[in-house]
PDB file of N, CA and C in Angstrom:
ATOM      1  N   MET A   1     115.358 -68.285 -28.634  1.00  0.00           N
ATOM      2  CA  MET A   1     115.751 -68.376 -27.230  1.00  0.00           C
ATOM      3  C   MET A   1     116.111 -69.825 -26.890  1.00  0.00           C
ATOM      4  N   ALA A   2     117.223 -70.003 -26.233  1.00  0.00           N
ATOM      5  CA  ALA A   2     117.686 -71.350 -25.917  1.00  0.00           C
ATOM      6  C   ALA A   2     117.163 -71.786 -24.554  1.00  0.00           C
ATOM      7  N   ASN A   3     116.737 -73.028 -24.492  1.00  0.00           N
ATOM      8  CA  ASN A   3     116.267 -73.598 -23.239  1.00  0.00           C
ATOM      9  C   ASN A   3     117.373 -74.434 -22.623  1.00  0.00           C
ATOM     10  N   LYS A   4     117.334 -74.565 -21.297  1.00  0.00           N
ATOM     11  CA  LYS A   4     118.329 -75.374 -20.623  1.00  0.00           C
ATOM     12  C   LYS A   4     117.659 -76.612 -20.046  1.00  0.00           C
ATOM     13  N   ALA A   5     118.309 -77.740 -20.225  1.00  0.00           N
ATOM     14  CA  ALA A   5     117.808 -78.996 -19.697  1.00  0.00           C
ATOM     15  C   ALA A   5     118.887 -79.604 -18.824  1.00  0.00           C
ATOM     16  N   ALA A   6     118.496 -80.049 -17.634  1.00  0.00           N
ATOM     17  CA  ALA A   6     119.457 -80.652 -16.709  1.00  0.00           C
ATOM     18  C   ALA A   6     119.242 -82.155 -16.687  1.00  0.00           C
ATOM     19  N   ARG A   7     120.374 -82.900 -16.719  1.00  0.00           N
ATOM     20  CA  ARG A   7     120.295 -84.355 -16.690  1.00  0.00           C
ATOM     21  C   ARG A   7     121.235 -84.898 -15.629  1.00  0.00           C
ATOM     22  N   SER A   8     120.852 -86.027 -15.057  1.00  0.00           N
ATOM     23  CA  SER A   8     121.724 -86.699 -14.108  1.00  0.00           C
ATOM     24  C   SER A   8     122.842 -87.401 -14.865  1.00  0.00           C
ATOM     25  N   ALA A   9     124.067 -87.246 -14.411  1.00  0.00           N
ATOM     26  CA  ALA A   9     125.201 -87.893 -15.058  1.00  0.00           C
ATOM     27  C   ALA A   9     125.239 -89.381 -14.731  1.00  0.00           C
ATOM     28  N   ILE A  10     124.537 -89.788 -13.688  1.00  0.00           N
ATOM     29  CA  ILE A  10     124.556 -91.189 -13.266  1.00  0.00           C
ATOM     30  C   ILE A  10     123.492 -91.994 -14.008  1.00  0.00           C
ATOM     31  N   THR A  11     122.252 -91.500 -13.981  1.00  0.00           N
ATOM     32  CA  THR A  11     121.148 -92.259 -14.571  1.00  0.00           C
ATOM     33  C   THR A  11     120.787 -91.800 -15.980  1.00  0.00           C
ATOM     34  N   GLY A  12     121.137 -90.556 -16.336  1.00  0.00           N
ATOM     35  CA  GLY A  12     120.774 -90.027 -17.636  1.00  0.00           C
ATOM     36  C   GLY A  12     119.367 -89.467 -17.676  1.00  0.00           C
ATOM     37  N   GLN A  13     118.665 -89.506 -16.549  1.00  0.00           N
ATOM     38  CA  GLN A  13     117.305 -88.989 -16.505  1.00  0.00           C
ATOM     39  C   GLN A  13     117.325 -87.471 -16.359  1.00  0.00           C
ATOM     40  N   TYR A  14     116.290 -86.836 -16.910  1.00  0.00           N
ATOM     41  CA  TYR A  14     116.183 -85.392 -16.798  1.00  0.00           C
ATOM     42  C   TYR A  14     115.747 -85.007 -15.393  1.00  0.00           C
ATOM     43  N   VAL A  15     116.370 -83.970 -14.857  1.00  0.00           N
ATOM     44  CA  VAL A  15     116.052 -83.465 -13.526  1.00  0.00           C
ATOM     45  C   VAL A  15     115.789 -81.965 -13.628  1.00  0.00           C
ATOM     46  N   THR A  16     115.307 -81.371 -12.549  1.00  0.00           N
ATOM     47  CA  THR A  16     115.022 -79.938 -12.548  1.00  0.00           C
ATOM     48  C   THR A  16     116.322 -79.148 -12.420  1.00  0.00           C
ATOM     49  N   LEU A  17     116.265 -77.890 -12.844  1.00  0.00           N
ATOM     50  CA  LEU A  17     117.448 -77.026 -12.740  1.00  0.00           C
ATOM     51  C   LEU A  17     117.800 -76.757 -11.279  1.00  0.00           C
ATOM     52  N   GLU A  18     116.777 -76.750 -10.416  1.00  0.00           N
ATOM     53  CA  GLU A  18     117.026 -76.550  -8.989  1.00  0.00           C
ATOM     54  C   GLU A  18     117.836 -77.717  -8.427  1.00  0.00           C
ATOM     55  N   TYR A  19     117.490 -78.935  -8.856  1.00  0.00           N
ATOM     56  CA  TYR A  19     118.220 -80.120  -8.413  1.00  0.00           C
ATOM     57  C   TYR A  19     119.661 -80.068  -8.927  1.00  0.00           C
ATOM     58  N   ALA A  20     119.829 -79.616 -10.156  1.00  0.00           N
ATOM     59  CA  ALA A  20     121.161 -79.550 -10.755  1.00  0.00           C
ATOM     60  C   ALA A  20     122.054 -78.554 -10.018  1.00  0.00           C
ATOM     61  N   LYS A  21     121.468 -77.469  -9.545  1.00  0.00           N
ATOM     62  CA  LYS A  21     122.253 -76.470  -8.818  1.00  0.00           C
ATOM     63  C   LYS A  21     122.694 -77.011  -7.458  1.00  0.00           C
ATOM     64  N   LYS A  22     121.864 -77.884  -6.869  1.00  0.00           N
ATOM     65  CA  LYS A  22     122.209 -78.459  -5.572  1.00  0.00           C
ATOM     66  C   LYS A  22     123.213 -79.599  -5.710  1.00  0.00           C
ATOM     67  N   HIS A  23     123.237 -80.254  -6.872  1.00  0.00           N
ATOM     68  CA  HIS A  23     124.125 -81.401  -7.086  1.00  0.00           C
ATOM     69  C   HIS A  23     124.958 -81.202  -8.353  1.00  0.00           C
ATOM     70  N   PRO A  24     125.872 -80.226  -8.350  1.00  0.00           N
ATOM     71  CA  PRO A  24     126.626 -79.923  -9.573  1.00  0.00           C
ATOM     72  C   PRO A  24     127.586 -81.038 -10.000  1.00  0.00           C
ATOM     73  N   LYS A  25     127.991 -81.885  -9.068  1.00  0.00           N
ATOM     74  CA  LYS A  25     128.964 -82.935  -9.420  1.00  0.00           C
ATOM     75  C   LYS A  25     128.310 -84.094 -10.163  1.00  0.00           C
ATOM     76  N   THR A  26     127.002 -84.289  -9.949  1.00  0.00           N
ATOM     77  CA  THR A  26     126.348 -85.458 -10.547  1.00  0.00           C
ATOM     78  C   THR A  26     125.337 -85.084 -11.622  1.00  0.00           C
ATOM     79  N   THR A  27     125.316 -83.814 -12.027  1.00  0.00           N
ATOM     80  CA  THR A  27     124.369 -83.396 -13.055  1.00  0.00           C
ATOM     81  C   THR A  27     125.069 -82.641 -14.176  1.00  0.00           C
ATOM     82  N   VAL A  28     124.426 -82.642 -15.339  1.00  0.00           N
ATOM     83  CA  VAL A  28     124.941 -81.929 -16.505  1.00  0.00           C
ATOM     84  C   VAL A  28     123.821 -81.034 -17.025  1.00  0.00           C
ATOM     85  N   VAL A  29     124.111 -79.744 -17.175  1.00  0.00           N
ATOM     86  CA  VAL A  29     123.125 -78.813 -17.723  1.00  0.00           C
ATOM     87  C   VAL A  29     123.485 -78.552 -19.172  1.00  0.00           C
ATOM     88  N   GLU A  30     122.567 -78.866 -20.071  1.00  0.00           N
ATOM     89  CA  GLU A  30     122.834 -78.691 -21.495  1.00  0.00           C
ATOM     90  C   GLU A  30     121.884 -77.658 -22.086  1.00  0.00           C
ATOM     91  N   THR A  31     122.370 -76.922 -23.069  1.00  0.00           N
ATOM     92  CA  THR A  31     121.559 -75.910 -23.744  1.00  0.00           C
ATOM     93  C   THR A  31     120.918 -76.539 -24.972  1.00  0.00           C
ATOM     94  N   VAL A  32     119.588 -76.420 -25.058  1.00  0.00           N
ATOM     95  CA  VAL A  32     118.844 -76.994 -26.173  1.00  0.00           C
ATOM     96  C   VAL A  32     118.381 -75.862 -27.068  1.00  0.00           C
ATOM     97  N   LYS A  33     118.913 -75.812 -28.283  1.00  0.00           N
ATOM     98  CA  LYS A  33     118.517 -74.764 -29.221  1.00  0.00           C
ATOM     99  C   LYS A  33     117.285 -75.201 -29.989  1.00  0.00           C
ATOM    100  N   PRO A  34     116.321 -74.305 -30.174  1.00  0.00           N
ATOM    101  CA  PRO A  34     115.122 -74.672 -30.926  1.00  0.00           C
ATOM    102  C   PRO A  34     115.436 -74.905 -32.394  1.00  0.00           C
ATOM    103  N   THR A  35     114.750 -75.848 -32.998  1.00  0.00           N
ATOM    104  CA  THR A  35     114.965 -76.127 -34.415  1.00  0.00           C
ATOM    105  C   THR A  35     114.147 -75.161 -35.270  1.00  0.00           C
ATOM    106  N   LYS A  36     114.706 -74.732 -36.360  1.00  0.00           N
ATOM    107  CA  LYS A  36     114.014 -73.757 -37.208  1.00  0.00           C
ATOM    108  C   LYS A  36     112.875 -74.412 -37.984  1.00  0.00           C
ATOM    109  N   SER A  37     112.942 -75.736 -38.170  1.00  0.00           N
ATOM    110  CA  SER A  37     111.928 -76.421 -38.974  1.00  0.00           C
ATOM    111  C   SER A  37     110.577 -76.467 -38.260  1.00  0.00           C
ATOM    112  N   SER A  38     110.568 -76.318 -36.913  1.00  0.00           N
ATOM    113  CA  SER A  38     109.317 -76.397 -36.187  1.00  0.00           C
ATOM    114  C   SER A  38     108.517 -75.092 -36.269  1.00  0.00           C
ATOM    115  N   LYS A  39     109.179 -73.993 -36.611  1.00  0.00           N
ATOM    116  CA  LYS A  39     108.475 -72.707 -36.736  1.00  0.00           C
ATOM    117  C   LYS A  39     107.901 -72.565 -38.132  1.00  0.00           C
ATOM    118  N   LYS A  40     106.712 -72.016 -38.176  1.00  0.00           N
ATOM    119  CA  LYS A  40     106.080 -71.789 -39.488  1.00  0.00           C
ATOM    120  C   LYS A  40     105.721 -70.333 -39.653  1.00  0.00           C
TER     121      LYS A  40
END
């Protein structure tokens, strides 16, 4: 399952998805795929 992480396009800091939905012009939502090496 892929997780979504939202970041500010101005500062590069991670923000909440709720904040990203309110400020679509200044945020970037990226999909983070889990690495297979972490599962055992």
